[in-house]
């Protein structure tokens, strides 16, 4: 017998077992219990829907038909927190579906440079929103008042306020950049001439191991609207990897009648470099200074210059070399040191 034949037989067997169980005393009592519980649940739901209750709602608030030439300077609330009292059935639509926004027309509440809706008008709007028989217990905020302007905005640069540190053996491999370098500032009054920049809230991070993009808000300025009010800030981070190479040693400040011979004439350098810069040779100069030679010592110190800030843990070995000073007119060396 294949699986298609076995499945109906199993199903039929389960149904027959249930029928036999319900014919027993214990099975009959259990069936009656479930029926009574179901009826009681239905009655409870019915009664609760028609019982007076208080519910808390966050109602989205949308202002429509704002003219393109108008900029709202002060913030308008995006939601209202409403505590409403009524029968459960009156809130059923709001509970079962997404809460629809309360929409108002800009021109209906705009006058003398202000968009304003009083508490009394908001009560009327929300009673219509919830329907008859619903009582508004509390409302936050209780009114709306925001200035607007048709003045042309001013483009102002952004100053980033960042304190970010990479993890050990990682490096910030380039400038920290924002997706925009300036914002538009609007005001109902004249924008001060000495306002030459806006700044972000502090971005403080540490232990970074990868390039990361952060959303950072612009610090608001009282009586002004900044667009956009937040920006994306990219912090470039790369791992540091070890690199080694051999570099020749230059000699400097040697008198015209002298010749300075050094042993060895090159040294091995090592440093940590960002992964993206591995194939670029570090622009470093190693040298010994004739004027720094101490004749009582057999060695002279090797010095370095031109180390880029991107490279870390720069080292070279050996850090001093042996030397011979020859006089060009003479064949015998003036000072000979032996290893």
C-alpha atoms as a PDB file:
ATOM      1  CA  UNK A   1       0.000   0.000   0.000  1.00  0.00           C
ATOM      2  CA  UNK A   2       1.450   3.367  -1.010  1.00  0.00           C
ATOM      3  CA  UNK A   3       1.506   6.615   1.018  1.00  0.00           C
ATOM      4  CA  UNK A   4      -1.547   8.070  -0.767  1.00  0.00           C
ATOM      5  CA  UNK A   5      -3.681   5.164   0.417  1.00  0.00           C
ATOM      6  CA  UNK A   6      -2.254   5.162   3.949  1.00  0.00           C
ATOM      7  CA  UNK A   7      -3.010   8.884   4.614  1.00  0.00           C
ATOM      8  CA  UNK A   8      -6.856   8.634   4.243  1.00  0.00           C
ATOM      9  CA  UNK A   9      -6.816   5.463   6.349  1.00  0.00           C
ATOM     10  CA  UNK A  10      -4.890   7.216   9.155  1.00  0.00           C
ATOM     11  CA  UNK A  11      -7.277  10.195   9.036  1.00  0.00           C
ATOM     12  CA  UNK A  12     -10.310   7.903   9.109  1.00  0.00           C
ATOM     13  CA  UNK A  13      -8.824   5.994  12.045  1.00  0.00           C
ATOM     14  CA  UNK A  14      -8.297   9.192  14.063  1.00  0.00           C
ATOM     15  CA  UNK A  15     -11.870  10.356  13.419  1.00  0.00           C
ATOM     16  CA  UNK A  16     -13.303   7.001  14.455  1.00  0.00           C
ATOM     17  CA  UNK A  17     -11.186   7.052  17.645  1.00  0.00           C
ATOM     18  CA  UNK A  18     -12.532  10.541  18.505  1.00  0.00           C
ATOM     19  CA  UNK A  19     -16.108   9.407  17.915  1.00  0.00           C
ATOM     20  CA  UNK A  20     -15.640   6.416  20.184  1.00  0.00           C
ATOM     21  CA  UNK A  21     -14.054   8.666  22.853  1.00  0.00           C
ATOM     22  CA  UNK A  22     -16.952  11.165  22.799  1.00  0.00           C
ATOM     23  CA  UNK A  23     -19.424   8.306  23.353  1.00  0.00           C
ATOM     24  CA  UNK A  24     -17.750   7.493  26.644  1.00  0.00           C
ATOM     25  CA  UNK A  25     -18.769   9.285  29.866  1.00  0.00           C
ATOM     26  CA  UNK A  26     -15.418  11.066  30.210  1.00  0.00           C
ATOM     27  CA  UNK A  27     -15.404  12.078  26.533  1.00  0.00           C
ATOM     28  CA  UNK A  28     -18.955  13.414  26.702  1.00  0.00           C
ATOM     29  CA  UNK A  29     -18.170  15.500  29.776  1.00  0.00           C
ATOM     30  CA  UNK A  30     -15.077  16.954  28.078  1.00  0.00           C
ATOM     31  CA  UNK A  31     -17.062  17.861  24.949  1.00  0.00           C
ATOM     32  CA  UNK A  32     -19.707  19.635  27.027  1.00  0.00           C
ATOM     33  CA  UNK A  33     -16.967  21.530  28.872  1.00  0.00           C
ATOM     34  CA  UNK A  34     -15.434  22.839  25.636  1.00  0.00           C
ATOM     35  CA  UNK A  35     -18.828  23.871  24.261  1.00  0.00           C
ATOM     36  CA  UNK A  36     -19.661  25.772  27.469  1.00  0.00           C
ATOM     37  CA  UNK A  37     -16.217  27.436  27.507  1.00  0.00           C
ATOM     38  CA  UNK A  38     -16.681  28.568  23.916  1.00  0.00           C
ATOM     39  CA  UNK A  39     -20.131  30.018  24.616  1.00  0.00           C
ATOM     40  CA  UNK A  40     -18.821  31.792  27.738  1.00  0.00           C
ATOM     41  CA  UNK A  41     -15.939  33.284  25.735  1.00  0.00           C
ATOM     42  CA  UNK A  42     -18.316  34.601  23.099  1.00  0.00           C
ATOM     43  CA  UNK A  43     -20.541  36.203  25.764  1.00  0.00           C
ATOM     44  CA  UNK A  44     -17.503  37.726  27.499  1.00  0.00           C
ATOM     45  CA  UNK A  45     -16.274  39.243  24.248  1.00  0.00           C
ATOM     46  CA  UNK A  46     -19.761  40.581  23.469  1.00  0.00           C
ATOM     47  CA  UNK A  47     -20.145  42.188  26.910  1.00  0.00           C
ATOM     48  CA  UNK A  48     -16.628  43.663  26.904  1.00  0.00           C
ATOM     49  CA  UNK A  49     -17.236  45.315  23.536  1.00  0.00           C
ATOM     50  CA  UNK A  50     -20.219  47.205  24.972  1.00  0.00           C
ATOM     51  CA  UNK A  51     -18.569  48.072  28.270  1.00  0.00           C
ATOM     52  CA  UNK A  52     -17.248  51.584  28.958  1.00  0.00           C
ATOM     53  CA  UNK A  53     -13.442  51.665  28.804  1.00  0.00           C
ATOM     54  CA  UNK A  54     -10.530  54.054  28.458  1.00  0.00           C
ATOM     55  CA  UNK A  55      -7.913  53.521  25.774  1.00  0.00           C
ATOM     56  CA  UNK A  56      -4.661  55.249  24.865  1.00  0.00           C
ATOM     57  CA  UNK A  57      -3.956  56.093  21.213  1.00  0.00           C
ATOM     58  CA  UNK A  58      -1.086  57.770  19.339  1.00  0.00           C
ATOM     59  CA  UNK A  59      -2.797  59.437  16.404  1.00  0.00           C
ATOM     60  CA  UNK A  60      -0.597  60.562  13.468  1.00  0.00           C
ATOM     61  CA  UNK A  61      -1.103  64.222  12.512  1.00  0.00           C
ATOM     62  CA  UNK A  62      -0.640  65.394   8.919  1.00  0.00           C
ATOM     63  CA  UNK A  63      -0.842  68.932   7.504  1.00  0.00           C
ATOM     64  CA  UNK A  64      -1.812  68.852   3.829  1.00  0.00           C
ATOM     65  CA  UNK A  65      -1.571  71.330   0.962  1.00  0.00           C
ATOM     66  CA  UNK A  66       1.353  73.370   2.278  1.00  0.00           C
ATOM     67  CA  UNK A  67       2.341  75.751  -0.565  1.00  0.00           C
ATOM     68  CA  UNK A  68       5.784  75.173  -2.072  1.00  0.00           C
ATOM     69  CA  UNK A  69       6.775  78.749  -1.187  1.00  0.00           C
ATOM     70  CA  UNK A  70       6.046  78.199   2.524  1.00  0.00           C
ATOM     71  CA  UNK A  71       8.442  76.683   5.065  1.00  0.00           C
ATOM     72  CA  UNK A  72       7.205  75.773   8.552  1.00  0.00           C
ATOM     73  CA  UNK A  73       9.872  77.228  10.859  1.00  0.00           C
ATOM     74  CA  UNK A  74       8.819  75.788  14.227  1.00  0.00           C
ATOM     75  CA  UNK A  75       8.079  72.071  14.620  1.00  0.00           C
ATOM     76  CA  UNK A  76       4.519  70.805  14.256  1.00  0.00           C
ATOM     77  CA  UNK A  77       3.696  67.645  16.269  1.00  0.00           C
ATOM     78  CA  UNK A  78       3.698  64.506  14.138  1.00  0.00           C
ATOM     79  CA  UNK A  79       1.450  62.616  16.589  1.00  0.00           C
ATOM     80  CA  UNK A  80      -1.110  63.352  19.286  1.00  0.00           C
ATOM     81  CA  UNK A  81      -1.443  61.186  22.361  1.00  0.00           C
ATOM     82  CA  UNK A  82      -5.143  60.797  23.097  1.00  0.00           C
ATOM     83  CA  UNK A  83      -6.796  59.030  26.028  1.00  0.00           C
ATOM     84  CA  UNK A  84     -10.405  58.398  24.956  1.00  0.00           C
ATOM     85  CA  UNK A  85     -13.366  56.960  26.846  1.00  0.00           C
ATOM     86  CA  UNK A  86     -16.113  54.980  25.170  1.00  0.00           C
ATOM     87  CA  UNK A  87     -17.498  51.527  24.465  1.00  0.00           C
ATOM     88  CA  UNK A  88     -15.084  48.907  23.232  1.00  0.00           C
ATOM     89  CA  UNK A  89     -17.018  48.452  19.988  1.00  0.00           C
ATOM     90  CA  UNK A  90     -16.357  52.124  19.152  1.00  0.00           C
ATOM     91  CA  UNK A  91     -12.596  51.519  19.247  1.00  0.00           C
ATOM     92  CA  UNK A  92     -12.741  48.203  17.389  1.00  0.00           C
ATOM     93  CA  UNK A  93     -11.731  49.665  14.014  1.00  0.00           C
ATOM     94  CA  UNK A  94      -8.732  51.474  15.536  1.00  0.00           C
ATOM     95  CA  UNK A  95      -7.598  48.330  17.367  1.00  0.00           C
ATOM     96  CA  UNK A  96      -7.958  45.930  14.440  1.00  0.00           C
ATOM     97  CA  UNK A  97      -6.453  48.137  11.731  1.00  0.00           C
ATOM     98  CA  UNK A  98      -3.586  50.582  11.368  1.00  0.00           C
ATOM     99  CA  UNK A  99      -4.415  53.911  13.012  1.00  0.00           C
ATOM    100  CA  UNK A 100      -5.266  56.368  10.241  1.00  0.00           C
ATOM    101  CA  UNK A 101      -3.827  59.909  10.513  1.00  0.00           C
ATOM    102  CA  UNK A 102      -5.796  63.035  11.348  1.00  0.00           C
ATOM    103  CA  UNK A 103      -5.403  65.257   8.274  1.00  0.00           C
ATOM    104  CA  UNK A 104      -5.925  69.029   8.222  1.00  0.00           C
ATOM    105  CA  UNK A 105      -5.667  71.622   5.461  1.00  0.00           C
ATOM    106  CA  UNK A 106      -2.878  74.174   5.913  1.00  0.00           C
ATOM    107  CA  UNK A 107      -4.921  77.134   4.630  1.00  0.00           C
ATOM    108  CA  UNK A 108      -7.727  76.482   7.132  1.00  0.00           C
ATOM    109  CA  UNK A 109      -5.436  77.239  10.102  1.00  0.00           C
ATOM    110  CA  UNK A 110      -2.795  79.620   8.669  1.00  0.00           C
ATOM    111  CA  UNK A 111      -2.970  83.318   9.528  1.00  0.00           C
ATOM    112  CA  UNK A 112      -0.526  86.212  10.120  1.00  0.00           C
ATOM    113  CA  UNK A 113       2.605  84.075   9.781  1.00  0.00           C
ATOM    114  CA  UNK A 114       1.389  81.322  12.139  1.00  0.00           C
ATOM    115  CA  UNK A 115      -0.194  77.922  11.704  1.00  0.00           C
ATOM    116  CA  UNK A 116      -2.301  77.461  14.839  1.00  0.00           C
ATOM    117  CA  UNK A 117      -5.057  75.169  16.092  1.00  0.00           C
ATOM    118  CA  UNK A 118      -6.589  75.864  19.508  1.00  0.00           C
ATOM    119  CA  UNK A 119      -7.613  73.221  22.058  1.00  0.00           C
ATOM    120  CA  UNK A 120     -11.275  73.850  21.281  1.00  0.00           C
ATOM    121  CA  UNK A 121     -10.767  73.215  17.560  1.00  0.00           C
ATOM    122  CA  UNK A 122      -8.666  70.133  18.259  1.00  0.00           C
ATOM    123  CA  UNK A 123     -11.489  68.759  20.442  1.00  0.00           C
ATOM    124  CA  UNK A 124     -13.878  69.143  17.531  1.00  0.00           C
ATOM    125  CA  UNK A 125     -11.464  67.486  15.088  1.00  0.00           C
ATOM    126  CA  UNK A 126     -10.804  64.482  17.328  1.00  0.00           C
ATOM    127  CA  UNK A 127     -14.508  64.012  18.210  1.00  0.00           C
ATOM    128  CA  UNK A 128     -15.192  63.758  14.499  1.00  0.00           C
ATOM    129  CA  UNK A 129     -12.217  61.409  14.172  1.00  0.00           C
ATOM    130  CA  UNK A 130     -13.424  58.981  16.885  1.00  0.00           C
ATOM    131  CA  UNK A 131     -17.144  59.392  16.232  1.00  0.00           C
ATOM    132  CA  UNK A 132     -20.159  60.172  18.377  1.00  0.00           C
ATOM    133  CA  UNK A 133     -20.267  58.931  21.958  1.00  0.00           C
ATOM    134  CA  UNK A 134     -16.491  58.969  22.514  1.00  0.00           C
ATOM    135  CA  UNK A 135     -15.210  61.297  25.228  1.00  0.00           C
ATOM    136  CA  UNK A 136     -11.699  62.785  25.093  1.00  0.00           C
ATOM    137  CA  UNK A 137     -10.103  62.429  28.528  1.00  0.00           C
ATOM    138  CA  UNK A 138      -6.627  63.867  27.839  1.00  0.00           C
ATOM    139  CA  UNK A 139      -4.799  65.246  24.817  1.00  0.00           C
ATOM    140  CA  UNK A 140      -1.111  65.948  24.362  1.00  0.00           C
ATOM    141  CA  UNK A 141      -0.153  68.426  23.045  1.00  0.00           C
ATOM    142  CA  UNK A 142      -3.226  70.503  23.807  1.00  0.00           C
ATOM    143  CA  UNK A 143      -2.746  72.973  20.951  1.00  0.00           C
ATOM    144  CA  UNK A 144      -0.628  73.683  17.888  1.00  0.00           C
ATOM    145  CA  UNK A 145       1.177  76.921  17.074  1.00  0.00           C
ATOM    146  CA  UNK A 146       4.092  77.207  14.665  1.00  0.00           C
ATOM    147  CA  UNK A 147       5.449  80.132  12.677  1.00  0.00           C
ATOM    148  CA  UNK A 148       6.027  79.847   8.948  1.00  0.00           C
ATOM    149  CA  UNK A 149       7.812  81.960   6.372  1.00  0.00           C
ATOM    150  CA  UNK A 150       8.044  82.566   2.667  1.00  0.00           C
ATOM    151  CA  UNK A 151      11.532  84.137   3.012  1.00  0.00           C
ATOM    152  CA  UNK A 152      14.349  82.707   0.938  1.00  0.00           C
ATOM    153  CA  UNK A 153      16.616  80.449   2.990  1.00  0.00           C
ATOM    154  CA  UNK A 154      20.369  80.785   3.479  1.00  0.00           C
ATOM    155  CA  UNK A 155      22.874  78.061   2.632  1.00  0.00           C
ATOM    156  CA  UNK A 156      25.196  77.491   5.598  1.00  0.00           C
ATOM    157  CA  UNK A 157      28.131  75.027   5.960  1.00  0.00           C
ATOM    158  CA  UNK A 158      28.075  72.167   8.461  1.00  0.00           C
ATOM    159  CA  UNK A 159      30.736  71.633  11.133  1.00  0.00           C
ATOM    160  CA  UNK A 160      31.075  68.002  12.194  1.00  0.00           C
ATOM    161  CA  UNK A 161      31.512  67.400  15.920  1.00  0.00           C
ATOM    162  CA  UNK A 162      33.152  63.960  15.954  1.00  0.00           C
ATOM    163  CA  UNK A 163      35.306  62.093  18.456  1.00  0.00           C
ATOM    164  CA  UNK A 164      35.834  58.634  16.974  1.00  0.00           C
ATOM    165  CA  UNK A 165      38.629  56.171  17.730  1.00  0.00           C
ATOM    166  CA  UNK A 166      39.477  52.924  15.906  1.00  0.00           C
ATOM    167  CA  UNK A 167      40.205  49.627  17.594  1.00  0.00           C
ATOM    168  CA  UNK A 168      43.761  48.395  18.168  1.00  0.00           C
ATOM    169  CA  UNK A 169      45.576  47.769  14.845  1.00  0.00           C
ATOM    170  CA  UNK A 170      42.896  49.661  12.911  1.00  0.00           C
ATOM    171  CA  UNK A 171      43.111  53.186  11.559  1.00  0.00           C
ATOM    172  CA  UNK A 172      40.771  55.941  10.389  1.00  0.00           C
ATOM    173  CA  UNK A 173      42.037  55.852   6.829  1.00  0.00           C
ATOM    174  CA  UNK A 174      40.742  59.161   5.511  1.00  0.00           C
ATOM    175  CA  UNK A 175      38.695  62.255   6.287  1.00  0.00           C
ATOM    176  CA  UNK A 176      35.364  61.827   8.054  1.00  0.00           C
ATOM    177  CA  UNK A 177      32.759  62.966   5.530  1.00  0.00           C
ATOM    178  CA  UNK A 178      29.076  63.908   5.531  1.00  0.00           C
ATOM    179  CA  UNK A 179      26.692  63.192   2.666  1.00  0.00           C
ATOM    180  CA  UNK A 180      26.097  66.966   2.397  1.00  0.00           C
ATOM    181  CA  UNK A 181      28.442  69.828   3.245  1.00  0.00           C
ATOM    182  CA  UNK A 182      25.780  72.472   3.921  1.00  0.00           C
ATOM    183  CA  UNK A 183      22.136  72.952   4.908  1.00  0.00           C
ATOM    184  CA  UNK A 184      19.397  75.476   4.195  1.00  0.00           C
ATOM    185  CA  UNK A 185      18.374  77.668   7.131  1.00  0.00           C
ATOM    186  CA  UNK A 186      14.990  79.436   7.192  1.00  0.00           C
ATOM    187  CA  UNK A 187      13.654  82.027   9.606  1.00  0.00           C
ATOM    188  CA  UNK A 188      10.619  84.288   9.846  1.00  0.00           C
ATOM    189  CA  UNK A 189      13.101  87.060  10.713  1.00  0.00           C
ATOM    190  CA  UNK A 190      16.450  87.957   9.155  1.00  0.00           C
ATOM    191  CA  UNK A 191      19.194  85.369   9.611  1.00  0.00           C
ATOM    192  CA  UNK A 192      22.140  86.931  11.535  1.00  0.00           C
ATOM    193  CA  UNK A 193      25.177  87.729   9.370  1.00  0.00           C
ATOM    194  CA  UNK A 194      27.537  86.234  11.945  1.00  0.00           C
ATOM    195  CA  UNK A 195      25.848  82.851  11.599  1.00  0.00           C
ATOM    196  CA  UNK A 196      28.483  81.232   9.397  1.00  0.00           C
ATOM    197  CA  UNK A 197      27.940  77.555  10.242  1.00  0.00           C
ATOM    198  CA  UNK A 198      25.767  75.024  12.027  1.00  0.00           C
ATOM    199  CA  UNK A 199      27.086  72.097  14.030  1.00  0.00           C
ATOM    200  CA  UNK A 200      26.050  68.523  14.641  1.00  0.00           C
ATOM    201  CA  UNK A 201      25.351  66.870  17.952  1.00  0.00           C
ATOM    202  CA  UNK A 202      28.539  65.141  19.199  1.00  0.00           C
ATOM    203  CA  UNK A 203      29.332  61.809  17.569  1.00  0.00           C
ATOM    204  CA  UNK A 204      31.426  59.828  20.063  1.00  0.00           C
ATOM    205  CA  UNK A 205      32.469  56.273  19.188  1.00  0.00           C
ATOM    206  CA  UNK A 206      35.422  54.015  19.976  1.00  0.00           C
ATOM    207  CA  UNK A 207      36.688  50.564  19.061  1.00  0.00           C
ATOM    208  CA  UNK A 208      35.723  50.840  15.379  1.00  0.00           C
ATOM    209  CA  UNK A 209      36.751  47.913  13.174  1.00  0.00           C
ATOM    210  CA  UNK A 210      35.054  48.777   9.901  1.00  0.00           C
ATOM    211  CA  UNK A 211      33.881  51.739   7.849  1.00  0.00           C
ATOM    212  CA  UNK A 212      30.604  52.856   9.429  1.00  0.00           C
ATOM    213  CA  UNK A 213      27.865  55.288   8.441  1.00  0.00           C
ATOM    214  CA  UNK A 214      26.076  57.144  11.257  1.00  0.00           C
ATOM    215  CA  UNK A 215      22.941  59.276  11.192  1.00  0.00           C
ATOM    216  CA  UNK A 216      23.720  62.484  13.088  1.00  0.00           C
ATOM    217  CA  UNK A 217      21.279  65.270  13.910  1.00  0.00           C
ATOM    218  CA  UNK A 218      22.027  68.941  13.382  1.00  0.00           C
ATOM    219  CA  UNK A 219      21.833  71.065  16.522  1.00  0.00           C
ATOM    220  CA  UNK A 220      18.647  73.155  16.242  1.00  0.00           C
ATOM    221  CA  UNK A 221      18.766  76.937  16.381  1.00  0.00           C
ATOM    222  CA  UNK A 222      15.900  78.671  18.169  1.00  0.00           C
ATOM    223  CA  UNK A 223      13.489  80.420  15.827  1.00  0.00           C
ATOM    224  CA  UNK A 224      14.970  78.774  12.738  1.00  0.00           C
ATOM    225  CA  UNK A 225      14.295  75.726  10.578  1.00  0.00           C
ATOM    226  CA  UNK A 226      17.236  73.687   9.300  1.00  0.00           C
ATOM    227  CA  UNK A 227      16.740  71.455   6.255  1.00  0.00           C
ATOM    228  CA  UNK A 228      17.874  68.718   6.357  1.00  0.00           C
ATOM    229  CA  UNK A 229      17.898  68.380  10.148  1.00  0.00           C
ATOM    230  CA  UNK A 230      20.044  65.241  10.082  1.00  0.00           C
ATOM    231  CA  UNK A 231      22.875  63.967   7.907  1.00  0.00           C
ATOM    232  CA  UNK A 232      24.805  60.779   7.179  1.00  0.00           C
ATOM    233  CA  UNK A 233      28.392  60.748   8.434  1.00  0.00           C
ATOM    234  CA  UNK A 234      30.854  58.177   7.070  1.00  0.00           C
ATOM    235  CA  UNK A 235      33.864  57.169   9.185  1.00  0.00           C
ATOM    236  CA  UNK A 236      36.386  55.267   6.989  1.00  0.00           C
ATOM    237  CA  UNK A 237      38.175  52.531   8.964  1.00  0.00           C
ATOM    238  CA  UNK A 238      40.692  49.977   7.702  1.00  0.00           C
ATOM    239  CA  UNK A 239      42.820  47.276   9.314  1.00  0.00           C
ATOM    240  CA  UNK A 240      46.552  47.912   9.624  1.00  0.00           C
ATOM    241  CA  UNK A 241      48.858  45.278   8.160  1.00  0.00           C
ATOM    242  CA  UNK A 242      52.605  44.870   8.541  1.00  0.00           C
ATOM    243  CA  UNK A 243      55.036  45.771   5.757  1.00  0.00           C
ATOM    244  CA  UNK A 244      58.837  45.574   5.512  1.00  0.00           C
ATOM    245  CA  UNK A 245      61.404  46.885   3.025  1.00  0.00           C
ATOM    246  CA  UNK A 246      65.027  47.905   2.758  1.00  0.00           C
ATOM    247  CA  UNK A 247      65.904  51.623   2.540  1.00  0.00           C
ATOM    248  CA  UNK A 248      69.310  53.202   1.720  1.00  0.00           C
ATOM    249  CA  UNK A 249      70.880  55.629   4.211  1.00  0.00           C
ATOM    250  CA  UNK A 250      71.934  59.081   3.015  1.00  0.00           C
ATOM    251  CA  UNK A 251      74.790  61.093   4.519  1.00  0.00           C
ATOM    252  CA  UNK A 252      74.445  64.853   5.039  1.00  0.00           C
ATOM    253  CA  UNK A 253      76.532  67.843   6.105  1.00  0.00           C
ATOM    254  CA  UNK A 254      79.813  66.227   5.034  1.00  0.00           C
ATOM    255  CA  UNK A 255      82.605  68.807   4.505  1.00  0.00           C
ATOM    256  CA  UNK A 256      83.896  69.151   0.955  1.00  0.00           C
ATOM    257  CA  UNK A 257      87.284  67.704   1.858  1.00  0.00           C
ATOM    258  CA  UNK A 258      85.834  64.687   3.684  1.00  0.00           C
ATOM    259  CA  UNK A 259      84.160  61.456   2.708  1.00  0.00           C
ATOM    260  CA  UNK A 260      81.841  59.554   5.108  1.00  0.00           C
ATOM    261  CA  UNK A 261      81.493  55.809   4.616  1.00  0.00           C
ATOM    262  CA  UNK A 262      78.892  53.924   6.657  1.00  0.00           C
ATOM    263  CA  UNK A 263      78.397  50.215   7.324  1.00  0.00           C
ATOM    264  CA  UNK A 264      75.757  49.030   6.547  1.00  0.00           C
ATOM    265  CA  UNK A 265      74.640  51.538   3.934  1.00  0.00           C
ATOM    266  CA  UNK A 266      70.964  50.505   4.156  1.00  0.00           C
ATOM    267  CA  UNK A 267      68.624  49.240   6.862  1.00  0.00           C
ATOM    268  CA  UNK A 268      65.384  47.271   7.060  1.00  0.00           C
ATOM    269  CA  UNK A 269      62.275  49.287   7.985  1.00  0.00           C
ATOM    270  CA  UNK A 270      58.919  47.936   9.191  1.00  0.00           C
ATOM    271  CA  UNK A 271      55.609  49.660   9.759  1.00  0.00           C
ATOM    272  CA  UNK A 272      51.854  49.147   9.854  1.00  0.00           C
ATOM    273  CA  UNK A 273      49.948  50.498   6.892  1.00  0.00           C
ATOM    274  CA  UNK A 274      46.231  50.597   5.929  1.00  0.00           C
ATOM    275  CA  UNK A 275      45.299  47.709   3.671  1.00  0.00           C
ATOM    276  CA  UNK A 276      44.392  50.024   0.774  1.00  0.00           C
ATOM    277  CA  UNK A 277      47.852  51.641   0.898  1.00  0.00           C
ATOM    278  CA  UNK A 278      49.882  48.428   1.067  1.00  0.00           C
ATOM    279  CA  UNK A 279      51.182  48.762  -2.503  1.00  0.00           C
ATOM    280  CA  UNK A 280      52.293  52.352  -1.919  1.00  0.00           C
ATOM    281  CA  UNK A 281      55.827  52.817  -0.616  1.00  0.00           C
ATOM    282  CA  UNK A 282      56.147  55.045   2.412  1.00  0.00           C
ATOM    283  CA  UNK A 283      57.940  58.303   1.596  1.00  0.00           C
ATOM    284  CA  UNK A 284      60.653  58.121   4.239  1.00  0.00           C
ATOM    285  CA  UNK A 285      64.239  59.311   4.310  1.00  0.00           C
ATOM    286  CA  UNK A 286      66.938  57.765   6.493  1.00  0.00           C
ATOM    287  CA  UNK A 287      70.213  59.621   6.989  1.00  0.00           C
ATOM    288  CA  UNK A 288      73.236  60.132   9.188  1.00  0.00           C
ATOM    289  CA  UNK A 289      74.436  63.641   9.989  1.00  0.00           C
ATOM    290  CA  UNK A 290      78.202  64.195   9.852  1.00  0.00           C
ATOM    291  CA  UNK A 291      77.893  67.083  12.321  1.00  0.00           C
ATOM    292  CA  UNK A 292      76.251  64.729  14.853  1.00  0.00           C
ATOM    293  CA  UNK A 293      79.161  62.280  14.934  1.00  0.00           C
ATOM    294  CA  UNK A 294      80.810  61.740  18.329  1.00  0.00           C
ATOM    295  CA  UNK A 295      84.400  60.775  17.596  1.00  0.00           C
ATOM    296  CA  UNK A 296      84.613  58.881  20.874  1.00  0.00           C
ATOM    297  CA  UNK A 297      81.920  56.471  19.663  1.00  0.00           C
ATOM    298  CA  UNK A 298      82.313  53.826  17.033  1.00  0.00           C
ATOM    299  CA  UNK A 299      78.777  54.365  15.717  1.00  0.00           C
ATOM    300  CA  UNK A 300      76.591  57.209  14.480  1.00  0.00           C
ATOM    301  CA  UNK A 301      72.822  57.450  14.975  1.00  0.00           C
ATOM    302  CA  UNK A 302      70.515  56.914  11.984  1.00  0.00           C
ATOM    303  CA  UNK A 303      67.779  59.529  11.746  1.00  0.00           C
ATOM    304  CA  UNK A 304      64.481  59.576   9.827  1.00  0.00           C
ATOM    305  CA  UNK A 305      62.170  62.142   8.282  1.00  0.00           C
ATOM    306  CA  UNK A 306      59.099  62.329   6.064  1.00  0.00           C
ATOM    307  CA  UNK A 307      56.980  59.722   7.899  1.00  0.00           C
ATOM    308  CA  UNK A 308      53.302  60.031   6.888  1.00  0.00           C
ATOM    309  CA  UNK A 309      50.727  60.105   9.691  1.00  0.00           C
ATOM    310  CA  UNK A 310      48.865  57.214   8.056  1.00  0.00           C
ATOM    311  CA  UNK A 311      51.708  54.801   8.879  1.00  0.00           C
ATOM    312  CA  UNK A 312      52.015  53.424  12.408  1.00  0.00           C
ATOM    313  CA  UNK A 313      54.664  51.691  14.524  1.00  0.00           C
ATOM    314  CA  UNK A 314      57.502  52.754  12.225  1.00  0.00           C
ATOM    315  CA  UNK A 315      60.779  51.034  13.131  1.00  0.00           C
ATOM    316  CA  UNK A 316      64.160  50.410  11.538  1.00  0.00           C
ATOM    317  CA  UNK A 317      67.052  48.160  12.465  1.00  0.00           C
ATOM    318  CA  UNK A 318      69.840  48.809  13.102  1.00  0.00           C
ATOM    319  CA  UNK A 319      69.259  52.298  14.505  1.00  0.00           C
ATOM    320  CA  UNK A 320      72.992  53.164  14.361  1.00  0.00           C
ATOM    321  CA  UNK A 321      75.775  52.264  11.968  1.00  0.00           C
ATOM    322  CA  UNK A 322      79.562  52.143  11.974  1.00  0.00           C
ATOM    323  CA  UNK A 323      81.449  54.770  10.011  1.00  0.00           C
ATOM    324  CA  UNK A 324      84.746  55.725   8.410  1.00  0.00           C
ATOM    325  CA  UNK A 325      85.822  59.303   7.758  1.00  0.00           C
ATOM    326  CA  UNK A 326      88.245  59.749   4.893  1.00  0.00           C
ATOM    327  CA  UNK A 327      90.150  62.851   3.860  1.00  0.00           C
ATOM    328  CA  UNK A 328      89.955  63.250   0.121  1.00  0.00           C
ATOM    329  CA  UNK A 329      93.596  64.422  -0.180  1.00  0.00           C
ATOM    330  CA  UNK A 330      94.914  61.506   1.813  1.00  0.00           C
ATOM    331  CA  UNK A 331      94.687  57.823   1.195  1.00  0.00           C
ATOM    332  CA  UNK A 332      94.772  56.837   4.843  1.00  0.00           C
ATOM    333  CA  UNK A 333      91.515  57.160   6.742  1.00  0.00           C
ATOM    334  CA  UNK A 334      91.344  59.635   9.623  1.00  0.00           C
ATOM    335  CA  UNK A 335      89.298  57.343  11.815  1.00  0.00           C
ATOM    336  CA  UNK A 336      88.807  53.681  11.202  1.00  0.00           C
ATOM    337  CA  UNK A 337      86.434  51.595  13.253  1.00  0.00           C
ATOM    338  CA  UNK A 338      86.359  47.854  13.047  1.00  0.00           C
ATOM    339  CA  UNK A 339      83.320  45.717  13.721  1.00  0.00           C
END
